[in-house]
PDB file of N, CA and C in Angstrom:
ATOM      1  N   MET A   1     -33.366  54.425 -25.240  1.00  0.00           N
ATOM      2  CA  MET A   1     -34.097  55.519 -24.640  1.00  0.00           C
ATOM      3  C   MET A   1     -33.441  56.835 -25.031  1.00  0.00           C
ATOM      4  N   PRO A   2     -34.219  57.822 -25.377  1.00  0.00           N
ATOM      5  CA  PRO A   2     -33.648  59.118 -25.734  1.00  0.00           C
ATOM      6  C   PRO A   2     -32.939  59.748 -24.533  1.00  0.00           C
ATOM      7  N   GLY A   3     -31.793  60.329 -24.777  1.00  0.00           N
ATOM      8  CA  GLY A   3     -31.068  61.019 -23.733  1.00  0.00           C
ATOM      9  C   GLY A   3     -30.186  60.116 -22.886  1.00  0.00           C
ATOM     10  N   VAL A   4     -30.217  58.796 -23.110  1.00  0.00           N
ATOM     11  CA  VAL A   4     -29.395  57.869 -22.343  1.00  0.00           C
ATOM     12  C   VAL A   4     -28.245  57.415 -23.225  1.00  0.00           C
ATOM     13  N   THR A   5     -27.042  57.604 -22.742  1.00  0.00           N
ATOM     14  CA  THR A   5     -25.859  57.184 -23.477  1.00  0.00           C
ATOM     15  C   THR A   5     -25.169  56.096 -22.678  1.00  0.00           C
ATOM     16  N   MET A   6     -24.880  54.976 -23.359  1.00  0.00           N
ATOM     17  CA  MET A   6     -24.173  53.882 -22.694  1.00  0.00           C
ATOM     18  C   MET A   6     -22.725  53.902 -23.132  1.00  0.00           C
ATOM     19  N   SER A   7     -21.834  53.678 -22.204  1.00  0.00           N
ATOM     20  CA  SER A   7     -20.418  53.579 -22.520  1.00  0.00           C
ATOM     21  C   SER A   7     -20.043  52.109 -22.586  1.00  0.00           C
ATOM     22  N   PHE A   8     -19.563  51.677 -23.736  1.00  0.00           N
ATOM     23  CA  PHE A   8     -19.178  50.277 -23.900  1.00  0.00           C
ATOM     24  C   PHE A   8     -17.702  50.065 -23.565  1.00  0.00           C
ATOM     25  N   SER A   9     -16.971  51.137 -23.304  1.00  0.00           N
ATOM     26  CA  SER A   9     -15.528  51.016 -23.107  1.00  0.00           C
ATOM     27  C   SER A   9     -15.157  50.268 -21.838  1.00  0.00           C
ATOM     28  N   ASN A  10     -16.008  50.323 -20.799  1.00  0.00           N
ATOM     29  CA  ASN A  10     -15.673  49.643 -19.549  1.00  0.00           C
ATOM     30  C   ASN A  10     -16.505  48.375 -19.324  1.00  0.00           C
ATOM     31  N   MET A  11     -17.203  47.916 -20.385  1.00  0.00           N
ATOM     32  CA  MET A  11     -18.032  46.716 -20.272  1.00  0.00           C
ATOM     33  C   MET A  11     -17.328  45.548 -20.944  1.00  0.00           C
ATOM     34  N   SER A  12     -17.323  44.384 -20.275  1.00  0.00           N
ATOM     35  CA  SER A  12     -16.720  43.202 -20.889  1.00  0.00           C
ATOM     36  C   SER A  12     -17.545  41.968 -20.552  1.00  0.00           C
ATOM     37  N   CYS A  13     -17.418  40.966 -21.377  1.00  0.00           N
ATOM     38  CA  CYS A  13     -18.147  39.711 -21.240  1.00  0.00           C
ATOM     39  C   CYS A  13     -17.615  38.929 -20.038  1.00  0.00           C
ATOM     40  N   SER A  14     -18.526  38.390 -19.253  1.00  0.00           N
ATOM     41  CA  SER A  14     -18.151  37.635 -18.050  1.00  0.00           C
ATOM     42  C   SER A  14     -17.429  36.334 -18.366  1.00  0.00           C
ATOM     43  N   ARG A  15     -17.596  35.804 -19.568  1.00  0.00           N
ATOM     44  CA  ARG A  15     -16.934  34.545 -19.912  1.00  0.00           C
ATOM     45  C   ARG A  15     -15.612  34.768 -20.635  1.00  0.00           C
ATOM     46  N   CYS A  16     -15.656  35.509 -21.761  1.00  0.00           N
ATOM     47  CA  CYS A  16     -14.446  35.636 -22.583  1.00  0.00           C
ATOM     48  C   CYS A  16     -13.610  36.863 -22.244  1.00  0.00           C
ATOM     49  N   GLY A  17     -14.217  37.838 -21.562  1.00  0.00           N
ATOM     50  CA  GLY A  17     -13.489  39.038 -21.185  1.00  0.00           C
ATOM     51  C   GLY A  17     -13.398  40.093 -22.271  1.00  0.00           C
ATOM     52  N   ASP A  18     -13.861  39.781 -23.474  1.00  0.00           N
ATOM     53  CA  ASP A  18     -13.826  40.760 -24.566  1.00  0.00           C
ATOM     54  C   ASP A  18     -14.895  41.818 -24.349  1.00  0.00           C
ATOM     55  N   GLY A  19     -14.685  42.965 -24.951  1.00  0.00           N
ATOM     56  CA  GLY A  19     -15.626  44.058 -24.835  1.00  0.00           C
ATOM     57  C   GLY A  19     -16.822  43.896 -25.770  1.00  0.00           C
ATOM     58  N   PHE A  20     -17.686  44.886 -25.758  1.00  0.00           N
ATOM     59  CA  PHE A  20     -18.882  44.897 -26.594  1.00  0.00           C
ATOM     60  C   PHE A  20     -18.823  46.091 -27.532  1.00  0.00           C
ATOM     61  N   ASP A  21     -19.330  45.890 -28.725  1.00  0.00           N
ATOM     62  CA  ASP A  21     -19.504  46.980 -29.680  1.00  0.00           C
ATOM     63  C   ASP A  21     -20.911  47.536 -29.496  1.00  0.00           C
ATOM     64  N   PRO A  22     -21.131  48.790 -29.867  1.00  0.00           N
ATOM     65  CA  PRO A  22     -22.465  49.394 -29.680  1.00  0.00           C
ATOM     66  C   PRO A  22     -23.604  48.625 -30.344  1.00  0.00           C
ATOM     67  N   HIS A  23     -23.349  47.890 -31.411  1.00  0.00           N
ATOM     68  CA  HIS A  23     -24.409  47.145 -32.104  1.00  0.00           C
ATOM     69  C   HIS A  23     -24.567  45.707 -31.584  1.00  0.00           C
ATOM     70  N   ASP A  24     -23.722  45.266 -30.663  1.00  0.00           N
ATOM     71  CA  ASP A  24     -23.780  43.896 -30.154  1.00  0.00           C
ATOM     72  C   ASP A  24     -25.024  43.660 -29.296  1.00  0.00           C
ATOM     73  N   LYS A  25     -25.551  42.448 -29.380  1.00  0.00           N
ATOM     74  CA  LYS A  25     -26.567  42.014 -28.426  1.00  0.00           C
ATOM     75  C   LYS A  25     -25.831  41.628 -27.156  1.00  0.00           C
ATOM     76  N   ILE A  26     -26.437  41.931 -26.010  1.00  0.00           N
ATOM     77  CA  ILE A  26     -25.808  41.651 -24.717  1.00  0.00           C
ATOM     78  C   ILE A  26     -26.812  40.917 -23.840  1.00  0.00           C
ATOM     79  N   VAL A  27     -26.379  39.812 -23.223  1.00  0.00           N
ATOM     80  CA  VAL A  27     -27.199  39.097 -22.255  1.00  0.00           C
ATOM     81  C   VAL A  27     -26.811  39.603 -20.872  1.00  0.00           C
ATOM     82  N   ASN A  28     -27.809  40.010 -20.094  1.00  0.00           N
ATOM     83  CA  ASN A  28     -27.579  40.474 -18.731  1.00  0.00           C
ATOM     84  C   ASN A  28     -28.209  39.456 -17.791  1.00  0.00           C
ATOM     85  N   SER A  29     -27.389  38.772 -17.012  1.00  0.00           N
ATOM     86  CA  SER A  29     -27.880  37.791 -16.050  1.00  0.00           C
ATOM     87  C   SER A  29     -27.351  38.166 -14.676  1.00  0.00           C
ATOM     88  N   GLN A  30     -28.247  38.638 -13.834  1.00  0.00           N
ATOM     89  CA  GLN A  30     -27.915  39.029 -12.462  1.00  0.00           C
ATOM     90  C   GLN A  30     -26.764  40.027 -12.422  1.00  0.00           C
ATOM     91  N   GLY A  31     -26.805  40.981 -13.340  1.00  0.00           N
ATOM     92  CA  GLY A  31     -25.801  42.038 -13.371  1.00  0.00           C
ATOM     93  C   GLY A  31     -24.534  41.680 -14.113  1.00  0.00           C
ATOM     94  N   GLU A  32     -24.384  40.440 -14.522  1.00  0.00           N
ATOM     95  CA  GLU A  32     -23.221  40.044 -15.322  1.00  0.00           C
ATOM     96  C   GLU A  32     -23.601  40.139 -16.797  1.00  0.00           C
ATOM     97  N   LEU A  33     -22.643  40.556 -17.620  1.00  0.00           N
ATOM     98  CA  LEU A  33     -22.891  40.747 -19.042  1.00  0.00           C
ATOM     99  C   LEU A  33     -22.170  39.675 -19.851  1.00  0.00           C
ATOM    100  N   TRP A  34     -22.839  39.217 -20.920  1.00  0.00           N
ATOM    101  CA  TRP A  34     -22.323  38.121 -21.734  1.00  0.00           C
ATOM    102  C   TRP A  34     -22.617  38.389 -23.208  1.00  0.00           C
ATOM    103  N   HIS A  35     -21.732  37.939 -24.076  1.00  0.00           N
ATOM    104  CA  HIS A  35     -22.094  37.814 -25.486  1.00  0.00           C
ATOM    105  C   HIS A  35     -23.077  36.643 -25.554  1.00  0.00           C
ATOM    106  N   PRO A  36     -24.063  36.683 -26.429  1.00  0.00           N
ATOM    107  CA  PRO A  36     -24.996  35.555 -26.520  1.00  0.00           C
ATOM    108  C   PRO A  36     -24.300  34.213 -26.739  1.00  0.00           C
ATOM    109  N   GLN A  37     -23.247  34.182 -27.551  1.00  0.00           N
ATOM    110  CA  GLN A  37     -22.530  32.940 -27.807  1.00  0.00           C
ATOM    111  C   GLN A  37     -21.694  32.487 -26.609  1.00  0.00           C
ATOM    112  N   CYS A  38     -21.475  33.356 -25.635  1.00  0.00           N
ATOM    113  CA  CYS A  38     -20.718  33.013 -24.428  1.00  0.00           C
ATOM    114  C   CYS A  38     -21.622  32.607 -23.262  1.00  0.00           C
ATOM    115  N   PHE A  39     -22.908  32.914 -23.367  1.00  0.00           N
ATOM    116  CA  PHE A  39     -23.847  32.588 -22.297  1.00  0.00           C
ATOM    117  C   PHE A  39     -24.318  31.153 -22.500  1.00  0.00           C
ATOM    118  N   VAL A  40     -23.498  30.200 -22.009  1.00  0.00           N
ATOM    119  CA  VAL A  40     -23.711  28.776 -22.257  1.00  0.00           C
ATOM    120  C   VAL A  40     -23.542  27.978 -20.963  1.00  0.00           C
ATOM    121  N   CYS A  41     -23.967  26.742 -21.010  1.00  0.00           N
ATOM    122  CA  CYS A  41     -23.833  25.816 -19.882  1.00  0.00           C
ATOM    123  C   CYS A  41     -22.362  25.607 -19.529  1.00  0.00           C
ATOM    124  N   SER A  42     -22.050  25.608 -18.243  1.00  0.00           N
ATOM    125  CA  SER A  42     -20.676  25.414 -17.778  1.00  0.00           C
ATOM    126  C   SER A  42     -20.165  24.002 -18.019  1.00  0.00           C
ATOM    127  N   GLN A  43     -21.053  23.065 -18.274  1.00  0.00           N
ATOM    128  CA  GLN A  43     -20.662  21.670 -18.467  1.00  0.00           C
ATOM    129  C   GLN A  43     -20.574  21.296 -19.948  1.00  0.00           C
ATOM    130  N   CYS A  44     -21.645  21.531 -20.702  1.00  0.00           N
ATOM    131  CA  CYS A  44     -21.687  21.081 -22.103  1.00  0.00           C
ATOM    132  C   CYS A  44     -21.402  22.207 -23.097  1.00  0.00           C
ATOM    133  N   PHE A  45     -21.353  23.444 -22.624  1.00  0.00           N
ATOM    134  CA  PHE A  45     -21.049  24.617 -23.446  1.00  0.00           C
ATOM    135  C   PHE A  45     -22.068  24.864 -24.553  1.00  0.00           C
ATOM    136  N   ARG A  46     -23.305  24.408 -24.336  1.00  0.00           N
ATOM    137  CA  ARG A  46     -24.388  24.675 -25.286  1.00  0.00           C
ATOM    138  C   ARG A  46     -25.226  25.826 -24.755  1.00  0.00           C
ATOM    139  N   PRO A  47     -25.880  26.568 -25.670  1.00  0.00           N
ATOM    140  CA  PRO A  47     -26.777  27.647 -25.212  1.00  0.00           C
ATOM    141  C   PRO A  47     -27.933  27.072 -24.392  1.00  0.00           C
ATOM    142  N   PHE A  48     -28.503  27.904 -23.538  1.00  0.00           N
ATOM    143  CA  PHE A  48     -29.618  27.481 -22.696  1.00  0.00           C
ATOM    144  C   PHE A  48     -30.914  27.504 -23.497  1.00  0.00           C
ATOM    145  N   PRO A  49     -31.618  26.362 -23.571  1.00  0.00           N
ATOM    146  CA  PRO A  49     -32.900  26.374 -24.280  1.00  0.00           C
ATOM    147  C   PRO A  49     -33.868  27.334 -23.586  1.00  0.00           C
ATOM    148  N   ASP A  50     -34.483  28.195 -24.349  1.00  0.00           N
ATOM    149  CA  ASP A  50     -35.459  29.162 -23.830  1.00  0.00           C
ATOM    150  C   ASP A  50     -34.895  30.042 -22.717  1.00  0.00           C
ATOM    151  N   GLY A  51     -33.571  30.154 -22.622  1.00  0.00           N
ATOM    152  CA  GLY A  51     -32.957  30.990 -21.593  1.00  0.00           C
ATOM    153  C   GLY A  51     -33.020  30.400 -20.191  1.00  0.00           C
ATOM    154  N   LEU A  52     -33.500  29.165 -20.048  1.00  0.00           N
ATOM    155  CA  LEU A  52     -33.648  28.520 -18.747  1.00  0.00           C
ATOM    156  C   LEU A  52     -32.313  27.919 -18.317  1.00  0.00           C
ATOM    157  N   PHE A  53     -31.859  28.284 -17.112  1.00  0.00           N
ATOM    158  CA  PHE A  53     -30.623  27.702 -16.590  1.00  0.00           C
ATOM    159  C   PHE A  53     -30.731  27.571 -15.076  1.00  0.00           C
ATOM    160  N   TYR A  54     -29.869  26.746 -14.531  1.00  0.00           N
ATOM    161  CA  TYR A  54     -29.766  26.549 -13.087  1.00  0.00           C
ATOM    162  C   TYR A  54     -28.391  27.020 -12.676  1.00  0.00           C
ATOM    163  N   GLU A  55     -28.294  27.605 -11.498  1.00  0.00           N
ATOM    164  CA  GLU A  55     -27.005  28.098 -11.023  1.00  0.00           C
ATOM    165  C   GLU A  55     -26.618  27.368  -9.748  1.00  0.00           C
ATOM    166  N   PHE A  56     -25.359  26.964  -9.676  1.00  0.00           N
ATOM    167  CA  PHE A  56     -24.833  26.310  -8.493  1.00  0.00           C
ATOM    168  C   PHE A  56     -23.396  26.761  -8.314  1.00  0.00           C
ATOM    169  N   GLU A  57     -23.096  27.302  -7.138  1.00  0.00           N
ATOM    170  CA  GLU A  57     -21.762  27.799  -6.797  1.00  0.00           C
ATOM    171  C   GLU A  57     -21.217  28.740  -7.871  1.00  0.00           C
ATOM    172  N   GLY A  58     -22.098  29.634  -8.359  1.00  0.00           N
ATOM    173  CA  GLY A  58     -21.689  30.662  -9.303  1.00  0.00           C
ATOM    174  C   GLY A  58     -21.569  30.215 -10.750  1.00  0.00           C
ATOM    175  N   ARG A  59     -21.821  28.942 -11.022  1.00  0.00           N
ATOM    176  CA  ARG A  59     -21.744  28.438 -12.394  1.00  0.00           C
ATOM    177  C   ARG A  59     -23.147  28.136 -12.906  1.00  0.00           C
ATOM    178  N   LYS A  60     -23.365  28.356 -14.179  1.00  0.00           N
ATOM    179  CA  LYS A  60     -24.679  28.169 -14.786  1.00  0.00           C
ATOM    180  C   LYS A  60     -24.707  26.860 -15.572  1.00  0.00           C
ATOM    181  N   TYR A  61     -25.831  26.130 -15.448  1.00  0.00           N
ATOM    182  CA  TYR A  61     -25.966  24.822 -16.090  1.00  0.00           C
ATOM    183  C   TYR A  61     -27.300  24.708 -16.803  1.00  0.00           C
ATOM    184  N   CYS A  62     -27.335  23.960 -17.901  1.00  0.00           N
ATOM    185  CA  CYS A  62     -28.610  23.609 -18.522  1.00  0.00           C
ATOM    186  C   CYS A  62     -29.307  22.605 -17.595  1.00  0.00           C
ATOM    187  N   GLU A  63     -30.595  22.421 -17.813  1.00  0.00           N
ATOM    188  CA  GLU A  63     -31.376  21.540 -16.939  1.00  0.00           C
ATOM    189  C   GLU A  63     -30.810  20.123 -16.913  1.00  0.00           C
ATOM    190  N   HIS A  64     -30.475  19.586 -18.059  1.00  0.00           N
ATOM    191  CA  HIS A  64     -29.956  18.210 -18.122  1.00  0.00           C
ATOM    192  C   HIS A  64     -28.681  18.052 -17.302  1.00  0.00           C
ATOM    193  N   ASP A  65     -27.710  18.925 -17.526  1.00  0.00           N
ATOM    194  CA  ASP A  65     -26.439  18.786 -16.811  1.00  0.00           C
ATOM    195  C   ASP A  65     -26.592  19.058 -15.319  1.00  0.00           C
ATOM    196  N   PHE A  66     -27.452  19.998 -14.960  1.00  0.00           N
ATOM    197  CA  PHE A  66     -27.688  20.248 -13.538  1.00  0.00           C
ATOM    198  C   PHE A  66     -28.242  18.996 -12.871  1.00  0.00           C
ATOM    199  N   GLN A  67     -29.212  18.355 -13.507  1.00  0.00           N
ATOM    200  CA  GLN A  67     -29.798  17.149 -12.928  1.00  0.00           C
ATOM    201  C   GLN A  67     -28.764  16.037 -12.794  1.00  0.00           C
ATOM    202  N   VAL A  68     -28.004  15.812 -13.846  1.00  0.00           N
ATOM    203  CA  VAL A  68     -27.008  14.740 -13.829  1.00  0.00           C
ATOM    204  C   VAL A  68     -25.953  14.988 -12.747  1.00  0.00           C
ATOM    205  N   LEU A  69     -25.528  16.237 -12.604  1.00  0.00           N
ATOM    206  CA  LEU A  69     -24.450  16.551 -11.664  1.00  0.00           C
ATOM    207  C   LEU A  69     -24.907  16.700 -10.215  1.00  0.00           C
ATOM    208  N   PHE A  70     -26.114  17.241  -9.997  1.00  0.00           N
ATOM    209  CA  PHE A  70     -26.472  17.647  -8.644  1.00  0.00           C
ATOM    210  C   PHE A  70     -27.795  17.107  -8.098  1.00  0.00           C
ATOM    211  N   ALA A  71     -28.729  16.729  -8.957  1.00  0.00           N
ATOM    212  CA  ALA A  71     -30.049  16.327  -8.467  1.00  0.00           C
ATOM    213  C   ALA A  71     -30.042  14.863  -8.042  1.00  0.00           C
ATOM    214  N   PRO A  72     -30.621  14.570  -6.878  1.00  0.00           N
ATOM    215  CA  PRO A  72     -30.708  13.171  -6.464  1.00  0.00           C
ATOM    216  C   PRO A  72     -31.769  12.425  -7.268  1.00  0.00           C
ATOM    217  N   CYS A  73     -31.668  11.125  -7.313  1.00  0.00           N
ATOM    218  CA  CYS A  73     -32.679  10.286  -7.959  1.00  0.00           C
ATOM    219  C   CYS A  73     -33.646   9.781  -6.895  1.00  0.00           C
ATOM    220  N   CYS A  74     -34.905   9.702  -7.263  1.00  0.00           N
ATOM    221  CA  CYS A  74     -35.959   9.252  -6.358  1.00  0.00           C
ATOM    222  C   CYS A  74     -35.798   7.759  -6.062  1.00  0.00           C
ATOM    223  N   GLY A  75     -35.960   7.398  -4.788  1.00  0.00           N
ATOM    224  CA  GLY A  75     -35.849   6.012  -4.361  1.00  0.00           C
ATOM    225  C   GLY A  75     -36.950   5.116  -4.884  1.00  0.00           C
ATOM    226  N   LYS A  76     -38.050   5.687  -5.356  1.00  0.00           N
ATOM    227  CA  LYS A  76     -39.155   4.877  -5.886  1.00  0.00           C
ATOM    228  C   LYS A  76     -39.160   4.850  -7.409  1.00  0.00           C
ATOM    229  N   CYS A  77     -39.257   6.036  -8.040  1.00  0.00           N
ATOM    230  CA  CYS A  77     -39.439   6.078  -9.500  1.00  0.00           C
ATOM    231  C   CYS A  77     -38.125   6.179 -10.269  1.00  0.00           C
ATOM    232  N   GLY A  78     -37.038   6.555  -9.586  1.00  0.00           N
ATOM    233  CA  GLY A  78     -35.743   6.649 -10.248  1.00  0.00           C
ATOM    234  C   GLY A  78     -35.516   7.926 -11.030  1.00  0.00           C
ATOM    235  N   GLU A  79     -36.516   8.800 -11.093  1.00  0.00           N
ATOM    236  CA  GLU A  79     -36.372  10.078 -11.805  1.00  0.00           C
ATOM    237  C   GLU A  79     -35.632  11.078 -10.921  1.00  0.00           C
ATOM    238  N   PHE A  80     -35.062  12.126 -11.559  1.00  0.00           N
ATOM    239  CA  PHE A  80     -34.404  13.181 -10.804  1.00  0.00           C
ATOM    240  C   PHE A  80     -35.423  13.915  -9.942  1.00  0.00           C
ATOM    241  N   VAL A  81     -35.009  14.312  -8.746  1.00  0.00           N
ATOM    242  CA  VAL A  81     -35.876  15.071  -7.851  1.00  0.00           C
ATOM    243  C   VAL A  81     -35.458  16.533  -7.922  1.00  0.00           C
ATOM    244  N   ILE A  82     -36.336  17.367  -8.465  1.00  0.00           N
ATOM    245  CA  ILE A  82     -36.112  18.812  -8.539  1.00  0.00           C
ATOM    246  C   ILE A  82     -37.168  19.449  -7.654  1.00  0.00           C
ATOM    247  N   GLY A  83     -36.772  20.403  -6.856  1.00  0.00           N
ATOM    248  CA  GLY A  83     -37.709  21.026  -5.925  1.00  0.00           C
ATOM    249  C   GLY A  83     -37.615  20.347  -4.574  1.00  0.00           C
ATOM    250  N   ARG A  84     -38.751  20.125  -3.962  1.00  0.00           N
ATOM    251  CA  ARG A  84     -38.791  19.537  -2.624  1.00  0.00           C
ATOM    252  C   ARG A  84     -38.299  18.096  -2.660  1.00  0.00           C
ATOM    253  N   VAL A  85     -37.369  17.779  -1.781  1.00  0.00           N
ATOM    254  CA  VAL A  85     -36.790  16.442  -1.679  1.00  0.00           C
ATOM    255  C   VAL A  85     -37.063  15.907  -0.282  1.00  0.00           C
ATOM    256  N   ILE A  86     -37.570  14.711  -0.198  1.00  0.00           N
ATOM    257  CA  ILE A  86     -37.741  14.023   1.085  1.00  0.00           C
ATOM    258  C   ILE A  86     -36.550  13.095   1.243  1.00  0.00           C
ATOM    259  N   LYS A  87     -35.822  13.235   2.336  1.00  0.00           N
ATOM    260  CA  LYS A  87     -34.695  12.353   2.620  1.00  0.00           C
ATOM    261  C   LYS A  87     -35.093  11.452   3.778  1.00  0.00           C
ATOM    262  N   ALA A  88     -35.165  10.169   3.500  1.00  0.00           N
ATOM    263  CA  ALA A  88     -35.549   9.193   4.525  1.00  0.00           C
ATOM    264  C   ALA A  88     -35.057   7.817   4.104  1.00  0.00           C
ATOM    265  N   MET A  89     -34.782   7.007   5.071  1.00  0.00           N
ATOM    266  CA  MET A  89     -34.378   5.618   4.849  1.00  0.00           C
ATOM    267  C   MET A  89     -33.234   5.517   3.826  1.00  0.00           C
ATOM    268  N   SER A  90     -32.232   6.353   3.986  1.00  0.00           N
ATOM    269  CA  SER A  90     -31.023   6.362   3.151  1.00  0.00           C
ATOM    270  C   SER A  90     -31.300   6.608   1.666  1.00  0.00           C
ATOM    271  N   ALA A  91     -32.365   7.336   1.366  1.00  0.00           N
ATOM    272  CA  ALA A  91     -32.694   7.639  -0.030  1.00  0.00           C
ATOM    273  C   ALA A  91     -33.327   9.022  -0.126  1.00  0.00           C
ATOM    274  N   SER A  92     -33.477   9.497  -1.351  1.00  0.00           N
ATOM    275  CA  SER A  92     -34.177  10.748  -1.651  1.00  0.00           C
ATOM    276  C   SER A  92     -35.454  10.381  -2.391  1.00  0.00           C
ATOM    277  N   TRP A  93     -36.516  11.184  -2.174  1.00  0.00           N
ATOM    278  CA  TRP A  93     -37.824  10.856  -2.728  1.00  0.00           C
ATOM    279  C   TRP A  93     -38.542  12.112  -3.197  1.00  0.00           C
ATOM    280  N   HIS A  94     -39.361  11.980  -4.254  1.00  0.00           N
ATOM    281  CA  HIS A  94     -40.369  12.995  -4.548  1.00  0.00           C
ATOM    282  C   HIS A  94     -41.397  12.886  -3.426  1.00  0.00           C
ATOM    283  N   PRO A  95     -41.987  13.983  -2.985  1.00  0.00           N
ATOM    284  CA  PRO A  95     -43.022  13.880  -1.945  1.00  0.00           C
ATOM    285  C   PRO A  95     -44.145  12.910  -2.327  1.00  0.00           C
ATOM    286  N   ALA A  96     -44.566  12.903  -3.583  1.00  0.00           N
ATOM    287  CA  ALA A  96     -45.650  12.013  -4.005  1.00  0.00           C
ATOM    288  C   ALA A  96     -45.213  10.546  -4.065  1.00  0.00           C
ATOM    289  N   CYS A  97     -43.925  10.295  -4.171  1.00  0.00           N
ATOM    290  CA  CYS A  97     -43.422   8.914  -4.246  1.00  0.00           C
ATOM    291  C   CYS A  97     -43.132   8.320  -2.874  1.00  0.00           C
ATOM    292  N   PHE A  98     -43.043   9.166  -1.859  1.00  0.00           N
ATOM    293  CA  PHE A  98     -42.727   8.679  -0.518  1.00  0.00           C
ATOM    294  C   PHE A  98     -44.025   8.238   0.147  1.00  0.00           C
ATOM    295  N   CYS A  99     -44.379   6.982  -0.077  1.00  0.00           N
ATOM    296  CA  CYS A  99     -45.661   6.442   0.352  1.00  0.00           C
ATOM    297  C   CYS A  99     -45.480   5.180   1.183  1.00  0.00           C
ATOM    298  N   CYS A 100     -46.490   4.875   1.957  1.00  0.00           N
ATOM    299  CA  CYS A 100     -46.537   3.640   2.709  1.00  0.00           C
ATOM    300  C   CYS A 100     -46.615   2.463   1.725  1.00  0.00           C
ATOM    301  N   ALA A 101     -45.793   1.456   1.931  1.00  0.00           N
ATOM    302  CA  ALA A 101     -45.778   0.292   1.045  1.00  0.00           C
ATOM    303  C   ALA A 101     -47.030  -0.566   1.205  1.00  0.00           C
ATOM    304  N   VAL A 102     -47.736  -0.429   2.316  1.00  0.00           N
ATOM    305  CA  VAL A 102     -48.925  -1.250   2.572  1.00  0.00           C
ATOM    306  C   VAL A 102     -50.200  -0.542   2.092  1.00  0.00           C
ATOM    307  N   CYS A 103     -50.427   0.703   2.555  1.00  0.00           N
ATOM    308  CA  CYS A 103     -51.688   1.396   2.239  1.00  0.00           C
ATOM    309  C   CYS A 103     -51.541   2.460   1.164  1.00  0.00           C
ATOM    310  N   ASN A 104     -50.316   2.752   0.732  1.00  0.00           N
ATOM    311  CA  ASN A 104     -50.016   3.703  -0.337  1.00  0.00           C
ATOM    312  C   ASN A 104     -50.338   5.159   0.005  1.00  0.00           C
ATOM    313  N   LYS A 105     -50.510   5.506   1.288  1.00  0.00           N
ATOM    314  CA  LYS A 105     -50.715   6.906   1.677  1.00  0.00           C
ATOM    315  C   LYS A 105     -49.390   7.651   1.610  1.00  0.00           C
ATOM    316  N   GLU A 106     -49.469   8.919   1.160  1.00  0.00           N
ATOM    317  CA  GLU A 106     -48.268   9.750   1.120  1.00  0.00           C
ATOM    318  C   GLU A 106     -47.803  10.041   2.542  1.00  0.00           C
ATOM    319  N   LEU A 107     -46.507   9.971   2.755  1.00  0.00           N
ATOM    320  CA  LEU A 107     -45.941  10.148   4.101  1.00  0.00           C
ATOM    321  C   LEU A 107     -45.106  11.415   4.234  1.00  0.00           C
ATOM    322  N   ALA A 108     -44.982  12.189   3.178  1.00  0.00           N
ATOM    323  CA  ALA A 108     -44.079  13.339   3.181  1.00  0.00           C
ATOM    324  C   ALA A 108     -44.366  14.321   4.307  1.00  0.00           C
ATOM    325  N   ASP A 109     -45.618  14.551   4.627  1.00  0.00           N
ATOM    326  CA  ASP A 109     -45.963  15.528   5.660  1.00  0.00           C
ATOM    327  C   ASP A 109     -46.499  14.867   6.925  1.00  0.00           C
ATOM    328  N   ARG A 110     -46.232  13.592   7.095  1.00  0.00           N
ATOM    329  CA  ARG A 110     -46.688  12.849   8.273  1.00  0.00           C
ATOM    330  C   ARG A 110     -45.495  12.188   8.946  1.00  0.00           C
ATOM    331  N   GLY A 111     -45.686  11.879  10.184  1.00  0.00           N
ATOM    332  CA  GLY A 111     -44.700  11.047  10.846  1.00  0.00           C
ATOM    333  C   GLY A 111     -44.920   9.608  10.410  1.00  0.00           C
ATOM    334  N   PHE A 112     -43.910   8.801  10.507  1.00  0.00           N
ATOM    335  CA  PHE A 112     -44.081   7.400  10.152  1.00  0.00           C
ATOM    336  C   PHE A 112     -43.100   6.557  10.944  1.00  0.00           C
ATOM    337  N   VAL A 113     -43.427   5.298  11.043  1.00  0.00           N
ATOM    338  CA  VAL A 113     -42.543   4.313  11.658  1.00  0.00           C
ATOM    339  C   VAL A 113     -42.272   3.280  10.584  1.00  0.00           C
ATOM    340  N   ARG A 114     -41.032   3.000  10.351  1.00  0.00           N
ATOM    341  CA  ARG A 114     -40.675   2.050   9.299  1.00  0.00           C
ATOM    342  C   ARG A 114     -41.269   0.681   9.606  1.00  0.00           C
ATOM    343  N   ASN A 115     -41.779   0.025   8.558  1.00  0.00           N
ATOM    344  CA  ASN A 115     -42.366  -1.317   8.637  1.00  0.00           C
ATOM    345  C   ASN A 115     -43.681  -1.368   9.394  1.00  0.00           C
ATOM    346  N   ARG A 116     -44.372  -0.239   9.513  1.00  0.00           N
ATOM    347  CA  ARG A 116     -45.689  -0.216  10.133  1.00  0.00           C
ATOM    348  C   ARG A 116     -46.624   0.604   9.271  1.00  0.00           C
ATOM    349  N   CYS A 117     -47.892   0.191   9.181  1.00  0.00           N
ATOM    350  CA  CYS A 117     -48.878   0.941   8.412  1.00  0.00           C
ATOM    351  C   CYS A 117     -49.622   1.887   9.325  1.00  0.00           C
TER     352      CYS A 117
END
């Protein structure tokens, strides 16, 4: 922008701590600044595909590592549950997978009694 001068002398990368040169590309994530090569998953150290990442306790993760480390597996289909999780009968469930074993109705938003249809 014309008339705007940025000072790079007090800016440093959140991962490596090195400064930025005026011609450097800078990633800004929630006010933190990163070199593109430093903006990587905290677990596998690979860049984020399409810039998509998950954050947990201040650390950033790619989708795969976030799921492996933190997402529960569904008690029915065995897939990772991202988003709404139903916790019942000592397991985690996708809302669509939490169904009556007899009539197959979804139970996520209903009351239920175990072993009764």
